[in-house]
């Protein structure tokens, strides 16, 4: 996974930290995001323009992020964090084994992505709910804010491997020993780091009898 971006404010989020305790929440709480265990109020996402064998665009993920609500982690607790700007969310463990939520990743995007919490440029408002998963009881709920900016870089991205495959020209699934007229196709394919593929060449040859 790509390295976490270092564009952070280590100042505590407004209203966060005060009132963090071990009991149940009373009313609307104030949560805070943590990066590498430190409170943050802003992050920078990185847009990457790729050139080379595998051109395109992508965003780096910001990793090792966690969240701390107005109530401390405790037994059987989970926390649902939702971005009201993008519609994305993450549902993490929030138990006594760790000082904040289970870790997760963030990146620019819209909607829901299973591998990271989506962010939009500008001020992002999040809602959160801490729930006891055994009693199915809401223990705390509230909001948090995170300012998101974006920078842009250019990187070369080449094939991670080049594969050669051979198959019957008339039927790809047919056994090579039974190809019609002895014709087979040789296919060279480049595989990119993101697992996408690009056909480099196709050649049909006749097997010798």
C-alpha atoms as a PDB file:
ATOM      1  CA  UNK A   1       0.000   0.000   0.000  1.00  0.00           C
ATOM      2  CA  UNK A   2       1.248   3.475  -0.760  1.00  0.00           C
ATOM      3  CA  UNK A   3       2.695   5.562   2.017  1.00  0.00           C
ATOM      4  CA  UNK A   4       0.470   7.827   4.085  1.00  0.00           C
ATOM      5  CA  UNK A   5       0.557  11.428   2.946  1.00  0.00           C
ATOM      6  CA  UNK A   6       2.254  13.847   5.300  1.00  0.00           C
ATOM      7  CA  UNK A   7       0.005  16.870   5.082  1.00  0.00           C
ATOM      8  CA  UNK A   8      -1.588  17.190   8.433  1.00  0.00           C
ATOM      9  CA  UNK A   9      -2.486  19.563  11.200  1.00  0.00           C
ATOM     10  CA  UNK A  10      -1.773  18.006  14.576  1.00  0.00           C
ATOM     11  CA  UNK A  11      -3.970  20.522  16.317  1.00  0.00           C
ATOM     12  CA  UNK A  12      -6.950  18.888  17.998  1.00  0.00           C
ATOM     13  CA  UNK A  13     -10.306  19.233  16.227  1.00  0.00           C
ATOM     14  CA  UNK A  14     -12.568  21.947  17.679  1.00  0.00           C
ATOM     15  CA  UNK A  15     -14.437  20.598  20.675  1.00  0.00           C
ATOM     16  CA  UNK A  16     -12.829  17.178  20.394  1.00  0.00           C
ATOM     17  CA  UNK A  17     -11.100  15.563  23.307  1.00  0.00           C
ATOM     18  CA  UNK A  18     -13.040  17.444  25.951  1.00  0.00           C
ATOM     19  CA  UNK A  19     -15.742  15.241  27.320  1.00  0.00           C
ATOM     20  CA  UNK A  20     -14.171  12.005  26.142  1.00  0.00           C
ATOM     21  CA  UNK A  21     -14.994   9.483  28.834  1.00  0.00           C
ATOM     22  CA  UNK A  22     -15.951   5.923  29.531  1.00  0.00           C
ATOM     23  CA  UNK A  23     -19.691   6.285  30.073  1.00  0.00           C
ATOM     24  CA  UNK A  24     -22.589   6.571  27.685  1.00  0.00           C
ATOM     25  CA  UNK A  25     -22.929   9.615  25.480  1.00  0.00           C
ATOM     26  CA  UNK A  26     -25.435  12.288  26.363  1.00  0.00           C
ATOM     27  CA  UNK A  27     -26.856  14.073  23.353  1.00  0.00           C
ATOM     28  CA  UNK A  28     -24.725  14.921  20.331  1.00  0.00           C
ATOM     29  CA  UNK A  29     -21.014  14.287  20.760  1.00  0.00           C
ATOM     30  CA  UNK A  30     -17.958  15.581  18.966  1.00  0.00           C
ATOM     31  CA  UNK A  31     -15.505  13.131  17.439  1.00  0.00           C
ATOM     32  CA  UNK A  32     -12.018  13.439  16.004  1.00  0.00           C
ATOM     33  CA  UNK A  33      -9.940  11.704  13.359  1.00  0.00           C
ATOM     34  CA  UNK A  34      -6.489  10.373  14.225  1.00  0.00           C
ATOM     35  CA  UNK A  35      -3.590   9.658  11.899  1.00  0.00           C
ATOM     36  CA  UNK A  36      -0.837   7.468  13.309  1.00  0.00           C
ATOM     37  CA  UNK A  37      -2.487   8.048  16.678  1.00  0.00           C
ATOM     38  CA  UNK A  38      -2.366  11.865  16.471  1.00  0.00           C
ATOM     39  CA  UNK A  39      -5.457  14.129  16.139  1.00  0.00           C
ATOM     40  CA  UNK A  40      -5.863  15.838  12.760  1.00  0.00           C
ATOM     41  CA  UNK A  41      -8.156  18.528  11.391  1.00  0.00           C
ATOM     42  CA  UNK A  42      -7.047  18.398   7.754  1.00  0.00           C
ATOM     43  CA  UNK A  43      -5.530  16.025   5.195  1.00  0.00           C
ATOM     44  CA  UNK A  44      -4.150  16.290   1.683  1.00  0.00           C
ATOM     45  CA  UNK A  45      -5.166  13.714  -0.909  1.00  0.00           C
ATOM     46  CA  UNK A  46      -2.884  13.107  -3.867  1.00  0.00           C
ATOM     47  CA  UNK A  47      -4.104  12.743  -7.454  1.00  0.00           C
ATOM     48  CA  UNK A  48      -1.616  10.803  -9.577  1.00  0.00           C
ATOM     49  CA  UNK A  49      -1.345  11.128 -13.362  1.00  0.00           C
ATOM     50  CA  UNK A  50       0.335   7.974 -14.666  1.00  0.00           C
ATOM     51  CA  UNK A  51       2.299   7.730 -17.909  1.00  0.00           C
ATOM     52  CA  UNK A  52       4.186   4.840 -19.479  1.00  0.00           C
ATOM     53  CA  UNK A  53       2.883   1.350 -20.214  1.00  0.00           C
ATOM     54  CA  UNK A  54      -0.123   1.857 -17.926  1.00  0.00           C
ATOM     55  CA  UNK A  55      -1.398   5.456 -18.261  1.00  0.00           C
ATOM     56  CA  UNK A  56      -4.341   6.740 -16.284  1.00  0.00           C
ATOM     57  CA  UNK A  57      -5.208   8.428 -13.009  1.00  0.00           C
ATOM     58  CA  UNK A  58      -5.508   7.325  -9.418  1.00  0.00           C
ATOM     59  CA  UNK A  59      -5.528   8.528  -5.827  1.00  0.00           C
ATOM     60  CA  UNK A  60      -3.193   7.503  -3.048  1.00  0.00           C
ATOM     61  CA  UNK A  61      -4.893   6.132   0.026  1.00  0.00           C
ATOM     62  CA  UNK A  62      -4.266   7.773   3.378  1.00  0.00           C
ATOM     63  CA  UNK A  63      -3.704   4.830   5.718  1.00  0.00           C
ATOM     64  CA  UNK A  64      -3.497   4.173   9.458  1.00  0.00           C
ATOM     65  CA  UNK A  65      -6.475   6.438  10.178  1.00  0.00           C
ATOM     66  CA  UNK A  66      -8.696   5.870  13.216  1.00  0.00           C
ATOM     67  CA  UNK A  67     -11.502   7.721  15.004  1.00  0.00           C
ATOM     68  CA  UNK A  68     -12.260   8.686  18.593  1.00  0.00           C
ATOM     69  CA  UNK A  69     -15.826   9.487  19.645  1.00  0.00           C
ATOM     70  CA  UNK A  70     -17.088  11.327  22.729  1.00  0.00           C
ATOM     71  CA  UNK A  71     -17.174   7.967  24.533  1.00  0.00           C
ATOM     72  CA  UNK A  72     -14.120   5.763  24.829  1.00  0.00           C
ATOM     73  CA  UNK A  73     -13.885   2.336  23.206  1.00  0.00           C
ATOM     74  CA  UNK A  74     -15.439  -0.462  25.252  1.00  0.00           C
ATOM     75  CA  UNK A  75     -16.575  -4.089  25.109  1.00  0.00           C
ATOM     76  CA  UNK A  76     -18.761  -5.125  22.153  1.00  0.00           C
ATOM     77  CA  UNK A  77     -18.767  -1.654  20.617  1.00  0.00           C
ATOM     78  CA  UNK A  78     -18.713  -0.727  16.931  1.00  0.00           C
ATOM     79  CA  UNK A  79     -18.640   2.700  15.303  1.00  0.00           C
ATOM     80  CA  UNK A  80     -20.221   3.720  12.011  1.00  0.00           C
ATOM     81  CA  UNK A  81     -18.631   6.822  10.428  1.00  0.00           C
ATOM     82  CA  UNK A  82     -20.436   8.381   7.440  1.00  0.00           C
ATOM     83  CA  UNK A  83     -19.300  11.209   5.167  1.00  0.00           C
ATOM     84  CA  UNK A  84     -22.286  13.437   4.463  1.00  0.00           C
ATOM     85  CA  UNK A  85     -20.485  14.960   1.473  1.00  0.00           C
ATOM     86  CA  UNK A  86     -19.758  11.752  -0.457  1.00  0.00           C
ATOM     87  CA  UNK A  87     -22.165   9.133   0.891  1.00  0.00           C
ATOM     88  CA  UNK A  88     -19.260   6.883   1.861  1.00  0.00           C
ATOM     89  CA  UNK A  89     -19.024   5.188   5.244  1.00  0.00           C
ATOM     90  CA  UNK A  90     -16.938   2.761   7.278  1.00  0.00           C
ATOM     91  CA  UNK A  91     -18.088   0.423  10.053  1.00  0.00           C
ATOM     92  CA  UNK A  92     -15.238  -0.412  12.449  1.00  0.00           C
ATOM     93  CA  UNK A  93     -14.565  -2.181  15.721  1.00  0.00           C
ATOM     94  CA  UNK A  94     -14.570   0.175  18.709  1.00  0.00           C
ATOM     95  CA  UNK A  95     -13.698  -2.159  21.561  1.00  0.00           C
ATOM     96  CA  UNK A  96     -11.455  -2.021  24.634  1.00  0.00           C
ATOM     97  CA  UNK A  97      -8.465  -3.616  22.864  1.00  0.00           C
ATOM     98  CA  UNK A  98      -7.430  -0.294  21.289  1.00  0.00           C
ATOM     99  CA  UNK A  99      -7.401   3.408  22.298  1.00  0.00           C
ATOM    100  CA  UNK A 100      -9.528   4.455  19.316  1.00  0.00           C
ATOM    101  CA  UNK A 101     -11.413   2.746  16.506  1.00  0.00           C
ATOM    102  CA  UNK A 102     -10.073  -0.035  14.331  1.00  0.00           C
ATOM    103  CA  UNK A 103      -7.889   1.497  11.635  1.00  0.00           C
ATOM    104  CA  UNK A 104      -9.072   2.324   8.128  1.00  0.00           C
ATOM    105  CA  UNK A 105      -8.009   4.179   4.982  1.00  0.00           C
ATOM    106  CA  UNK A 106      -9.309   7.317   3.247  1.00  0.00           C
ATOM    107  CA  UNK A 107      -9.048   8.595  -0.319  1.00  0.00           C
ATOM    108  CA  UNK A 108     -10.780  10.996  -2.690  1.00  0.00           C
ATOM    109  CA  UNK A 109     -13.917   9.588  -4.276  1.00  0.00           C
ATOM    110  CA  UNK A 110     -17.695   9.497  -4.312  1.00  0.00           C
ATOM    111  CA  UNK A 111     -20.094   6.932  -2.890  1.00  0.00           C
ATOM    112  CA  UNK A 112     -19.196   3.801  -1.005  1.00  0.00           C
ATOM    113  CA  UNK A 113     -15.936   1.892  -1.431  1.00  0.00           C
ATOM    114  CA  UNK A 114     -15.226  -1.178   0.634  1.00  0.00           C
ATOM    115  CA  UNK A 115     -11.511  -0.527   1.006  1.00  0.00           C
ATOM    116  CA  UNK A 116     -11.537   3.150   2.058  1.00  0.00           C
ATOM    117  CA  UNK A 117     -13.668   6.045   3.313  1.00  0.00           C
ATOM    118  CA  UNK A 118     -14.311   8.503   0.490  1.00  0.00           C
ATOM    119  CA  UNK A 119     -13.437  12.196   0.769  1.00  0.00           C
ATOM    120  CA  UNK A 120     -14.412  15.314  -1.190  1.00  0.00           C
ATOM    121  CA  UNK A 121     -12.334  18.443  -1.630  1.00  0.00           C
ATOM    122  CA  UNK A 122     -13.158  21.147   0.915  1.00  0.00           C
ATOM    123  CA  UNK A 123     -14.752  20.848   4.342  1.00  0.00           C
ATOM    124  CA  UNK A 124     -16.179  17.355   4.931  1.00  0.00           C
ATOM    125  CA  UNK A 125     -18.793  16.756   7.634  1.00  0.00           C
ATOM    126  CA  UNK A 126     -19.088  13.277   9.124  1.00  0.00           C
ATOM    127  CA  UNK A 127     -21.690  11.743  11.377  1.00  0.00           C
ATOM    128  CA  UNK A 128     -20.887   8.840  13.669  1.00  0.00           C
ATOM    129  CA  UNK A 129     -22.816   6.343  15.785  1.00  0.00           C
ATOM    130  CA  UNK A 130     -21.306   4.158  18.503  1.00  0.00           C
ATOM    131  CA  UNK A 131     -23.375   1.044  19.131  1.00  0.00           C
ATOM    132  CA  UNK A 132     -23.271  -1.901  21.518  1.00  0.00           C
ATOM    133  CA  UNK A 133     -23.516  -4.800  19.077  1.00  0.00           C
ATOM    134  CA  UNK A 134     -24.758  -7.229  21.745  1.00  0.00           C
ATOM    135  CA  UNK A 135     -27.491  -5.044  23.213  1.00  0.00           C
ATOM    136  CA  UNK A 136     -28.112  -3.299  19.863  1.00  0.00           C
ATOM    137  CA  UNK A 137     -28.070  -0.021  21.773  1.00  0.00           C
ATOM    138  CA  UNK A 138     -26.802   3.398  20.618  1.00  0.00           C
ATOM    139  CA  UNK A 139     -24.210   4.616  23.119  1.00  0.00           C
ATOM    140  CA  UNK A 140     -23.120   7.828  21.440  1.00  0.00           C
ATOM    141  CA  UNK A 141     -23.659   9.771  18.234  1.00  0.00           C
ATOM    142  CA  UNK A 142     -22.294  13.011  16.907  1.00  0.00           C
ATOM    143  CA  UNK A 143     -20.333  14.799  14.217  1.00  0.00           C
ATOM    144  CA  UNK A 144     -16.787  15.537  13.118  1.00  0.00           C
ATOM    145  CA  UNK A 145     -15.253  17.727  10.437  1.00  0.00           C
ATOM    146  CA  UNK A 146     -12.167  17.337   8.299  1.00  0.00           C
ATOM    147  CA  UNK A 147     -10.799  19.777   5.738  1.00  0.00           C
ATOM    148  CA  UNK A 148      -9.537  18.070   2.593  1.00  0.00           C
ATOM    149  CA  UNK A 149      -7.202  19.595   0.014  1.00  0.00           C
ATOM    150  CA  UNK A 150      -5.593  17.987  -3.000  1.00  0.00           C
ATOM    151  CA  UNK A 151      -2.285  18.042  -4.795  1.00  0.00           C
ATOM    152  CA  UNK A 152      -1.303  16.446  -8.095  1.00  0.00           C
ATOM    153  CA  UNK A 153       1.795  14.550  -9.168  1.00  0.00           C
ATOM    154  CA  UNK A 154       2.983  12.666 -12.262  1.00  0.00           C
ATOM    155  CA  UNK A 155       4.480   9.183 -12.090  1.00  0.00           C
ATOM    156  CA  UNK A 156       5.633   6.530 -14.522  1.00  0.00           C
ATOM    157  CA  UNK A 157       3.763   3.232 -14.314  1.00  0.00           C
ATOM    158  CA  UNK A 158       4.995   0.286 -16.373  1.00  0.00           C
ATOM    159  CA  UNK A 159       3.920  -3.320 -16.702  1.00  0.00           C
ATOM    160  CA  UNK A 160       4.626  -5.462 -13.680  1.00  0.00           C
ATOM    161  CA  UNK A 161       4.811  -8.513 -15.952  1.00  0.00           C
ATOM    162  CA  UNK A 162       4.301  -9.591 -19.566  1.00  0.00           C
ATOM    163  CA  UNK A 163       2.566 -12.919 -20.112  1.00  0.00           C
ATOM    164  CA  UNK A 164       2.312 -15.107 -23.186  1.00  0.00           C
ATOM    165  CA  UNK A 165      -0.752 -17.305 -23.582  1.00  0.00           C
ATOM    166  CA  UNK A 166      -1.626 -19.782 -26.306  1.00  0.00           C
ATOM    167  CA  UNK A 167      -5.004 -21.220 -27.243  1.00  0.00           C
ATOM    168  CA  UNK A 168      -6.880 -22.690 -30.192  1.00  0.00           C
ATOM    169  CA  UNK A 169      -7.659 -20.023 -32.766  1.00  0.00           C
ATOM    170  CA  UNK A 170     -11.170 -21.376 -33.317  1.00  0.00           C
ATOM    171  CA  UNK A 171     -12.095 -22.014 -29.682  1.00  0.00           C
ATOM    172  CA  UNK A 172     -10.166 -20.620 -26.726  1.00  0.00           C
ATOM    173  CA  UNK A 173     -11.373 -23.338 -24.337  1.00  0.00           C
ATOM    174  CA  UNK A 174     -10.485 -26.229 -26.624  1.00  0.00           C
ATOM    175  CA  UNK A 175      -7.556 -28.532 -25.850  1.00  0.00           C
ATOM    176  CA  UNK A 176      -4.427 -27.461 -27.723  1.00  0.00           C
ATOM    177  CA  UNK A 177      -3.995 -30.981 -29.053  1.00  0.00           C
ATOM    178  CA  UNK A 178      -7.354 -30.759 -30.831  1.00  0.00           C
ATOM    179  CA  UNK A 179      -7.258 -27.326 -32.460  1.00  0.00           C
ATOM    180  CA  UNK A 180      -9.136 -27.091 -35.759  1.00  0.00           C
ATOM    181  CA  UNK A 181      -6.648 -27.204 -38.646  1.00  0.00           C
ATOM    182  CA  UNK A 182      -3.862 -27.120 -36.056  1.00  0.00           C
ATOM    183  CA  UNK A 183      -4.192 -23.344 -35.712  1.00  0.00           C
ATOM    184  CA  UNK A 184      -3.290 -21.725 -32.389  1.00  0.00           C
ATOM    185  CA  UNK A 185      -3.123 -18.109 -31.282  1.00  0.00           C
ATOM    186  CA  UNK A 186      -0.198 -16.676 -29.336  1.00  0.00           C
ATOM    187  CA  UNK A 187      -1.260 -13.711 -27.187  1.00  0.00           C
ATOM    188  CA  UNK A 188       1.163 -11.404 -25.377  1.00  0.00           C
ATOM    189  CA  UNK A 189      -0.427  -9.408 -22.565  1.00  0.00           C
ATOM    190  CA  UNK A 190       1.044  -6.725 -20.329  1.00  0.00           C
ATOM    191  CA  UNK A 191      -0.164  -6.753 -16.716  1.00  0.00           C
ATOM    192  CA  UNK A 192      -0.260  -3.404 -14.887  1.00  0.00           C
ATOM    193  CA  UNK A 193       0.309  -2.947 -11.137  1.00  0.00           C
ATOM    194  CA  UNK A 194      -3.437  -2.437 -10.647  1.00  0.00           C
ATOM    195  CA  UNK A 195      -4.049  -5.866 -12.297  1.00  0.00           C
ATOM    196  CA  UNK A 196      -5.486  -4.351 -15.479  1.00  0.00           C
ATOM    197  CA  UNK A 197      -4.284  -5.964 -18.709  1.00  0.00           C
ATOM    198  CA  UNK A 198      -3.356  -4.761 -22.164  1.00  0.00           C
ATOM    199  CA  UNK A 199      -3.013  -7.009 -25.210  1.00  0.00           C
ATOM    200  CA  UNK A 200       0.320  -6.326 -26.895  1.00  0.00           C
ATOM    201  CA  UNK A 201       0.196  -8.740 -29.818  1.00  0.00           C
ATOM    202  CA  UNK A 202      -1.821 -11.571 -31.346  1.00  0.00           C
ATOM    203  CA  UNK A 203      -0.261 -14.091 -33.703  1.00  0.00           C
ATOM    204  CA  UNK A 204      -1.895 -17.153 -35.271  1.00  0.00           C
ATOM    205  CA  UNK A 205       0.360 -20.042 -36.232  1.00  0.00           C
ATOM    206  CA  UNK A 206      -0.150 -23.604 -37.450  1.00  0.00           C
ATOM    207  CA  UNK A 207       1.211 -26.440 -35.349  1.00  0.00           C
ATOM    208  CA  UNK A 208       3.460 -28.848 -37.151  1.00  0.00           C
ATOM    209  CA  UNK A 209       1.848 -32.254 -37.690  1.00  0.00           C
END
